Protein backbone atom coordinates (compact mmCIF):
# COMPACT_ATOMS: atom_id res chain seq x y z
CA MET A 1 -11.60 -20.00 -9.05
CA PRO A 2 -13.33 -16.63 -9.29
CA LEU A 3 -11.95 -13.79 -11.37
CA ILE A 4 -10.70 -10.75 -9.48
CA PHE A 5 -10.45 -7.26 -10.99
CA ILE A 6 -7.45 -5.33 -9.65
CA THR A 7 -7.12 -1.58 -10.08
CA GLY A 8 -3.53 -0.35 -9.90
CA GLY A 9 -2.36 -3.95 -10.11
CA ALA A 10 0.83 -3.03 -11.99
CA GLY A 11 2.08 -0.96 -9.04
CA TYR A 12 4.30 -1.98 -6.14
CA ILE A 13 1.84 -3.57 -3.72
CA GLY A 14 -0.57 -4.44 -6.53
CA SER A 15 1.91 -6.52 -8.49
CA HIS A 16 2.94 -8.50 -5.45
CA THR A 17 -0.73 -9.15 -4.70
CA VAL A 18 -1.40 -10.21 -8.31
CA LEU A 19 1.40 -12.80 -8.03
CA ALA A 20 0.18 -14.06 -4.63
CA MET A 21 -3.38 -14.38 -5.95
CA ILE A 22 -2.28 -16.36 -8.96
CA ASP A 23 -0.27 -18.64 -6.68
CA ALA A 24 -3.44 -19.08 -4.60
CA GLY A 25 -5.42 -20.13 -7.68
CA PHE A 26 -7.32 -16.93 -8.50
CA ASP A 27 -7.84 -15.64 -12.00
CA VAL A 28 -7.02 -11.94 -12.24
CA VAL A 29 -7.36 -9.01 -14.59
CA VAL A 30 -5.45 -5.76 -14.01
CA TYR A 31 -6.87 -2.31 -14.72
CA ASP A 32 -4.09 0.28 -14.61
CA ASN A 33 -3.22 3.53 -16.39
CA LEU A 34 0.50 2.80 -15.92
CA SER A 35 1.12 6.29 -14.56
CA SER A 36 3.21 4.72 -11.80
CA GLY A 37 2.80 1.02 -12.47
CA HIS A 38 4.85 -1.20 -14.77
CA ARG A 39 3.69 -3.75 -17.31
CA ALA A 40 6.87 -5.71 -16.65
CA ALA A 41 5.81 -6.18 -13.01
CA LEU A 42 2.97 -8.45 -14.13
CA PRO A 43 3.37 -12.18 -14.83
CA ASP A 44 3.08 -13.31 -18.40
CA GLY A 45 -0.51 -14.00 -19.42
CA VAL A 46 -2.18 -11.67 -16.93
CA PRO A 47 -4.69 -9.52 -18.83
CA LEU A 48 -3.92 -5.81 -18.55
CA VAL A 49 -6.54 -3.21 -19.42
CA GLU A 50 -4.87 0.17 -19.77
CA GLY A 51 -7.50 2.42 -18.34
CA ASP A 52 -8.16 5.22 -15.89
CA LEU A 53 -10.82 5.27 -13.22
CA ALA A 54 -11.71 8.74 -14.43
CA ASP A 55 -12.82 7.15 -17.73
CA LEU A 56 -16.30 5.93 -16.79
CA ALA A 57 -17.01 4.33 -20.14
CA ALA A 58 -13.76 2.34 -20.13
CA LEU A 59 -14.33 1.20 -16.56
CA ASP A 60 -17.90 0.14 -17.28
CA ASP A 61 -16.77 -1.74 -20.37
CA ALA A 62 -14.04 -3.57 -18.50
CA LEU A 63 -16.37 -4.64 -15.72
CA ARG A 64 -18.96 -5.81 -18.23
CA THR A 65 -16.36 -7.73 -20.21
CA PHE A 66 -14.78 -9.57 -17.31
CA SER A 67 -17.72 -9.82 -14.83
CA PRO A 68 -15.45 -10.13 -11.77
CA ALA A 69 -16.51 -11.77 -8.55
CA ALA A 70 -14.71 -9.07 -6.55
CA VAL A 71 -12.46 -6.03 -6.95
CA VAL A 72 -9.23 -5.08 -5.22
CA HIS A 73 -8.61 -1.35 -5.42
CA PHE A 74 -5.00 -0.14 -5.26
CA ALA A 75 -5.13 2.75 -7.75
CA GLY A 76 -4.40 6.18 -6.26
CA SER A 77 -1.80 8.64 -5.10
CA ILE A 78 0.30 7.58 -2.11
CA GLU A 79 2.86 10.22 -1.14
CA ALA A 80 1.82 11.77 2.19
CA GLY A 81 4.30 14.64 1.90
CA GLU A 82 3.18 15.51 -1.65
CA SER A 83 -0.45 15.47 -0.56
CA MET A 84 0.16 18.61 1.54
CA SER A 85 1.46 20.60 -1.44
CA ASP A 86 -0.87 19.18 -4.10
CA PRO A 87 -4.16 18.29 -2.33
CA ARG A 88 -6.20 18.62 -5.53
CA ARG A 89 -4.44 15.67 -7.12
CA PHE A 90 -4.96 13.49 -4.05
CA TYR A 91 -8.64 14.25 -3.68
CA ARG A 92 -9.10 13.71 -7.43
CA ASN A 93 -7.22 10.40 -7.52
CA ASN A 94 -8.09 8.95 -4.10
CA LEU A 95 -11.65 10.17 -3.67
CA MET A 96 -13.23 11.23 -6.94
CA ALA A 97 -11.78 8.39 -9.05
CA SER A 98 -12.57 5.90 -6.27
CA LEU A 99 -16.15 7.24 -6.19
CA ASN A 100 -16.39 6.43 -9.90
CA LEU A 101 -15.33 2.88 -9.09
CA ALA A 102 -17.87 2.55 -6.26
CA ASP A 103 -20.66 3.79 -8.57
CA ALA A 104 -19.63 1.30 -11.26
CA LEU A 105 -19.56 -1.58 -8.75
CA VAL A 106 -23.10 -0.72 -7.62
CA GLU A 107 -24.28 -0.55 -11.23
CA HIS A 108 -22.86 -4.01 -11.84
CA GLY A 109 -24.64 -5.62 -8.88
CA SER A 110 -22.66 -4.32 -5.90
CA ILE A 111 -19.47 -6.27 -6.59
CA PRO A 112 -17.56 -6.69 -3.30
CA LEU A 113 -14.45 -4.56 -2.84
CA VAL A 114 -11.14 -4.79 -0.97
CA PHE A 115 -9.83 -1.24 -0.54
CA SER A 116 -6.21 -0.20 -0.12
CA SER A 117 -6.48 2.21 2.80
CA THR A 118 -3.81 3.48 5.14
CA ALA A 119 -2.73 3.95 8.73
CA ALA A 120 -2.54 7.66 7.89
CA VAL A 121 -6.26 7.84 8.74
CA TYR A 122 -5.24 7.83 12.43
CA GLY A 123 -2.96 10.85 12.26
CA ASP A 124 -0.71 11.15 15.31
CA PRO A 125 -2.33 8.68 17.70
CA VAL A 126 -2.56 9.34 21.43
CA GLU A 127 -1.93 5.70 22.31
CA LEU A 128 0.22 3.02 20.73
CA PRO A 129 -0.30 0.50 19.33
CA VAL A 130 -3.28 1.97 17.54
CA GLY A 131 -6.42 -0.11 17.04
CA GLU A 132 -9.07 0.20 14.36
CA ASP A 133 -11.49 1.99 16.69
CA ALA A 134 -9.02 4.73 17.62
CA PRO A 135 -9.91 8.34 16.69
CA LYS A 136 -9.40 9.18 13.02
CA THR A 137 -7.60 12.54 12.89
CA PRO A 138 -5.39 12.51 9.78
CA THR A 139 -2.48 14.94 9.74
CA ASN A 140 -2.12 14.95 5.97
CA VAL A 141 -4.34 15.09 2.89
CA TYR A 142 -3.36 11.58 1.89
CA GLY A 143 -4.95 10.20 5.07
CA GLU A 144 -7.94 12.53 4.71
CA SER A 145 -8.62 11.33 1.17
CA LYS A 146 -8.46 7.68 2.14
CA LEU A 147 -10.65 8.19 5.20
CA ALA A 148 -13.19 10.02 3.02
CA PHE A 149 -13.50 7.03 0.75
CA GLU A 150 -13.91 4.71 3.74
CA ALA A 151 -16.92 6.89 4.65
CA VAL A 152 -18.20 6.51 1.09
CA LEU A 153 -17.97 2.74 1.41
CA ALA A 154 -19.91 2.74 4.68
CA ALA A 155 -22.66 4.85 3.10
CA TYR A 156 -22.77 2.70 -0.02
CA GLU A 157 -23.19 -0.45 2.04
CA ARG A 158 -26.11 1.07 3.92
CA ALA A 159 -27.79 2.33 0.74
CA TYR A 160 -26.80 -0.20 -1.90
CA GLY A 161 -25.48 -3.27 -0.15
CA LEU A 162 -21.89 -2.77 -1.36
CA ARG A 163 -19.75 -4.88 0.98
CA SER A 164 -16.08 -4.03 1.44
CA VAL A 165 -12.94 -4.64 3.46
CA SER A 166 -10.64 -1.66 4.06
CA LEU A 167 -7.07 -2.68 4.79
CA ARG A 168 -5.20 0.06 6.62
CA TYR A 169 -1.57 -0.49 5.67
CA PHE A 170 1.24 0.65 7.86
CA ASN A 171 4.62 1.18 6.09
CA ALA A 172 4.98 -1.23 3.19
CA CYS A 173 8.54 -2.30 2.41
CA GLY A 174 10.60 -5.14 0.96
CA ALA A 175 10.31 -7.06 -2.27
CA HIS A 176 9.46 -10.54 -3.46
CA PRO A 177 12.07 -12.89 -1.98
CA ASP A 178 13.15 -14.23 -5.40
CA GLY A 179 14.06 -10.68 -6.41
CA HIS A 180 12.13 -10.48 -9.69
CA ILE A 181 9.63 -7.79 -8.64
CA GLY A 182 10.02 -4.93 -6.18
CA ALA A 183 9.60 -1.18 -5.68
CA ASP A 184 10.38 0.85 -8.79
CA HIS A 185 9.28 4.33 -7.73
CA ARG A 186 12.52 6.24 -7.65
CA SER A 187 10.84 9.65 -7.90
CA LYS A 188 9.03 9.09 -4.60
CA THR A 189 10.14 9.40 -1.00
CA HIS A 190 9.83 5.88 0.36
CA LEU A 191 12.59 5.63 2.93
CA LEU A 192 13.84 2.16 2.10
CA THR A 193 13.78 2.72 -1.68
CA ILE A 194 15.74 5.99 -1.36
CA ALA A 195 18.21 4.28 0.95
CA MET A 196 18.67 1.43 -1.52
CA LEU A 197 19.32 3.87 -4.33
CA ALA A 198 21.80 5.73 -2.16
CA GLY A 199 23.46 2.38 -1.42
CA LEU A 200 23.78 1.83 -5.19
CA GLY A 201 25.32 5.28 -5.62
CA GLN A 202 22.25 6.55 -7.52
CA ARG A 203 21.37 9.06 -4.81
CA GLU A 204 23.79 11.33 -3.02
CA HIS A 205 22.19 10.80 0.36
CA VAL A 206 19.06 9.93 2.31
CA GLN A 207 17.08 12.75 3.85
CA VAL A 208 16.12 12.29 7.50
CA PHE A 209 13.08 14.47 8.22
CA GLY A 210 13.92 15.66 11.70
CA THR A 211 15.88 14.24 14.59
CA ASP A 212 13.93 16.12 17.28
CA TRP A 213 10.81 13.98 17.43
CA PRO A 214 9.56 12.76 20.86
CA THR A 215 10.99 9.27 20.29
CA PRO A 216 13.97 7.47 21.90
CA ASP A 217 16.43 8.41 19.14
CA GLY A 218 14.68 11.52 17.86
CA THR A 219 13.58 10.04 14.54
CA CYS A 220 10.09 8.96 13.50
CA ILE A 221 8.92 5.44 14.39
CA ARG A 222 6.97 3.33 11.94
CA ASP A 223 5.55 -0.20 11.76
CA TYR A 224 7.17 -1.71 8.66
CA ILE A 225 5.13 -4.41 6.96
CA HIS A 226 6.60 -6.61 4.21
CA VAL A 227 4.79 -6.33 0.89
CA CYS A 228 4.29 -10.10 0.66
CA ASP A 229 2.56 -10.09 4.05
CA LEU A 230 0.33 -7.30 2.73
CA ALA A 231 -0.49 -9.39 -0.31
CA ALA A 232 -1.51 -12.29 1.91
CA ALA A 233 -3.91 -10.01 3.78
CA HIS A 234 -5.75 -9.19 0.54
CA ILE A 235 -6.33 -12.87 -0.21
CA LEU A 236 -7.78 -13.42 3.27
CA ALA A 237 -10.00 -10.35 2.89
CA LEU A 238 -11.30 -11.60 -0.47
CA ARG A 239 -12.10 -14.98 1.00
CA SER A 240 -13.95 -13.40 3.93
CA LEU A 241 -16.15 -11.41 1.50
CA ALA A 242 -16.75 -14.57 -0.56
CA ASP A 243 -17.91 -16.26 2.61
CA GLY A 244 -20.47 -13.50 3.21
CA ALA A 245 -18.64 -11.63 5.95
CA PRO A 246 -19.83 -8.09 6.72
CA SER A 247 -17.80 -5.03 5.82
CA ARG A 248 -14.80 -4.49 8.07
CA ALA A 249 -11.66 -2.39 8.45
CA TYR A 250 -8.40 -4.01 9.47
CA ASN A 251 -4.98 -2.76 10.40
CA VAL A 252 -2.19 -4.55 8.56
CA GLY A 253 1.04 -4.09 10.49
CA VAL A 254 3.54 -6.21 12.40
CA GLY A 255 2.77 -4.58 15.73
CA LYS A 256 6.23 -3.26 16.53
CA GLY A 257 7.87 0.02 15.61
CA PHE A 258 11.31 0.79 14.20
CA SER A 259 12.78 4.24 13.93
CA VAL A 260 14.13 5.87 10.81
CA LYS A 261 17.62 5.57 12.34
CA GLU A 262 17.13 1.85 12.98
CA MET A 263 15.98 1.34 9.40
CA LEU A 264 18.98 3.20 7.98
CA ASP A 265 21.37 1.34 10.28
CA GLY A 266 19.90 -1.88 8.88
CA VAL A 267 20.51 -0.65 5.34
CA ASP A 268 24.13 0.12 6.26
CA ARG A 269 24.56 -3.45 7.46
CA MET A 270 23.05 -4.86 4.24
CA VAL A 271 24.98 -2.60 1.85
CA GLY A 272 28.21 -3.07 3.78
CA ARG A 273 28.97 0.61 4.24
CA PRO A 274 27.35 3.73 5.71
CA VAL A 275 24.75 5.27 3.42
CA PRO A 276 25.08 9.08 3.56
CA ARG A 277 22.36 10.82 5.58
CA VAL A 278 21.37 14.48 5.66
CA VAL A 279 19.07 15.81 8.38
CA VAL A 280 16.42 18.21 7.12
CA PRO A 281 13.46 19.85 8.86
CA ARG A 282 10.41 17.87 9.79
CA ARG A 283 7.98 17.19 6.97
CA LEU A 284 4.52 18.72 7.26
CA GLY A 285 1.89 16.11 8.06
CA ASP A 286 4.18 13.44 9.51
CA PRO A 287 3.14 11.81 12.80
CA SER A 288 5.91 11.02 15.25
CA ALA A 289 5.02 7.34 15.62
CA LEU A 290 2.62 4.81 14.09
CA VAL A 291 2.47 1.23 15.29
CA ALA A 292 -0.37 -1.19 14.57
CA ASP A 293 -2.58 -3.21 16.83
CA SER A 294 -3.31 -5.99 14.35
CA THR A 295 -5.25 -8.21 16.77
CA ARG A 296 -8.45 -7.96 14.74
CA ILE A 297 -7.10 -9.28 11.45
CA ARG A 298 -5.11 -11.96 13.22
CA ASN A 299 -8.15 -13.21 15.13
CA GLU A 300 -10.83 -12.78 12.50
CA LEU A 301 -8.98 -13.66 9.27
CA GLY A 302 -6.10 -15.75 10.61
CA TRP A 303 -3.46 -13.42 9.18
CA SER A 304 0.05 -13.71 10.55
CA PRO A 305 3.12 -11.90 9.11
CA ARG A 306 6.11 -13.95 8.03
CA TYR A 307 8.45 -10.96 8.26
CA THR A 308 8.65 -9.37 11.71
CA GLU A 309 12.21 -8.06 11.86
CA LEU A 310 13.88 -5.35 9.82
CA ASP A 311 16.93 -7.17 8.43
CA PRO A 312 15.02 -9.88 6.50
CA MET A 313 12.74 -7.19 5.04
CA ILE A 314 15.71 -5.05 4.03
CA GLU A 315 17.48 -8.07 2.55
CA THR A 316 14.61 -8.71 0.08
CA ALA A 317 14.62 -5.05 -0.96
CA TRP A 318 18.38 -5.07 -1.46
CA ARG A 319 18.18 -8.22 -3.60
CA TRP A 320 15.64 -6.51 -5.91
CA HIS A 321 17.56 -3.22 -6.19
CA ARG A 322 20.93 -4.88 -6.60
CA THR A 323 19.69 -7.03 -9.50
CA HIS A 324 17.50 -4.28 -11.01
CA PRO A 325 19.52 -1.11 -10.44
CA ASN A 326 17.54 0.76 -13.08
CA GLY A 327 14.15 -0.72 -12.43
CA TYR A 328 11.92 -2.85 -14.65
CA GLY A 329 13.19 -3.95 -18.02
CA ARG A 330 16.40 -1.95 -17.77
CA SER A 331 18.55 -4.09 -15.46
C-alpha cells in the first residue's frame, strides 16, 4: 500500500485517522510539532517526525526521505472563539504554514493533498442543511483562515496541477470505541470534552454561550460527527485522489442538528447526574446553527456515518475520559 504523510497526525482527529488508515492497510508517517498532539496517541511503530510546517528545511527533508504518495493535512489552530482574539496565530498556523506545505508539495511533484477544512467557512447560513455550494461568509477568523487556504488550493491546481480534497468538518466528537484514544485537549473549549471533565469533577461547570439564540430551546445547534466517521471520510478521499478524481470539497456531517442543551442532557444521562451549567453571553463569531447537507460525499465517495445519534457518540467519549481521567500516559 502507498505511504501517506500526515501533518498533525498526533492530534485528536489525526490520531484516529492514523489508526483507521493502518487498519485499512496504508503505511503512514506522522509529521507533528506536538504542540497539541500526543506521541502516546500513535500506535507503536508509526514513524513520527517532530517538525513544524514553518521549518521549510525540515519539511522538505521529510518529504524527500519518505516520498509519500499523498498527504493528509491536519496541522493548525482550531478554536473558533480564540481566533477572534488572536487572529495572527490563526493566519500564521492555518494559512502561512499551510502555504509552506502547498509549496513543498508542488516542489516534490504536486503530491495530492487531503485538507482538514471546516464548516466554519459557511458562517451563519441562510438555509439549512447547508450544501457545499452555499455562500462562504465566515463569522470567525478560524473559518476565514481555512477558506483562504481552500482558495490557495484552487489556484495551485490551476497553476501547478496540485489536486486536493477539502473535507469540511462539522462538529467532531466522540472517541475510539475501544477507549484507548480520544480527545486530550483540556485547555480548549470543545463542548463535549469540557462536559466530560465536569462530569469527572475536574471542571466546576460547563459554560453555555447564550440561551437566547433563534433556535427551539435557545441554545446553538450543531451537526455532531463522530471522529471515527471523520477518519473514514479521509480514507475515501485518499482513494478518490489515487483513482485520479478531480479536486473536490465535501461536507462531512451527519445531516441532523442537536442543540447544546440536548448534548448536555445526553452527558447527564451518561454520567448519571446533572453536570453543572453556567449561562454566559454569546461568544463572538458563533453561528446560531450549522447542519450539513452531506449528499455529495455520500453519493460520490460512498461515505455513510455509523454514528447518527448523540448517546452512542457521548458513550465513546465517556469511556475514554473515564479510563483516562488525566489524558495520555497519566491515567
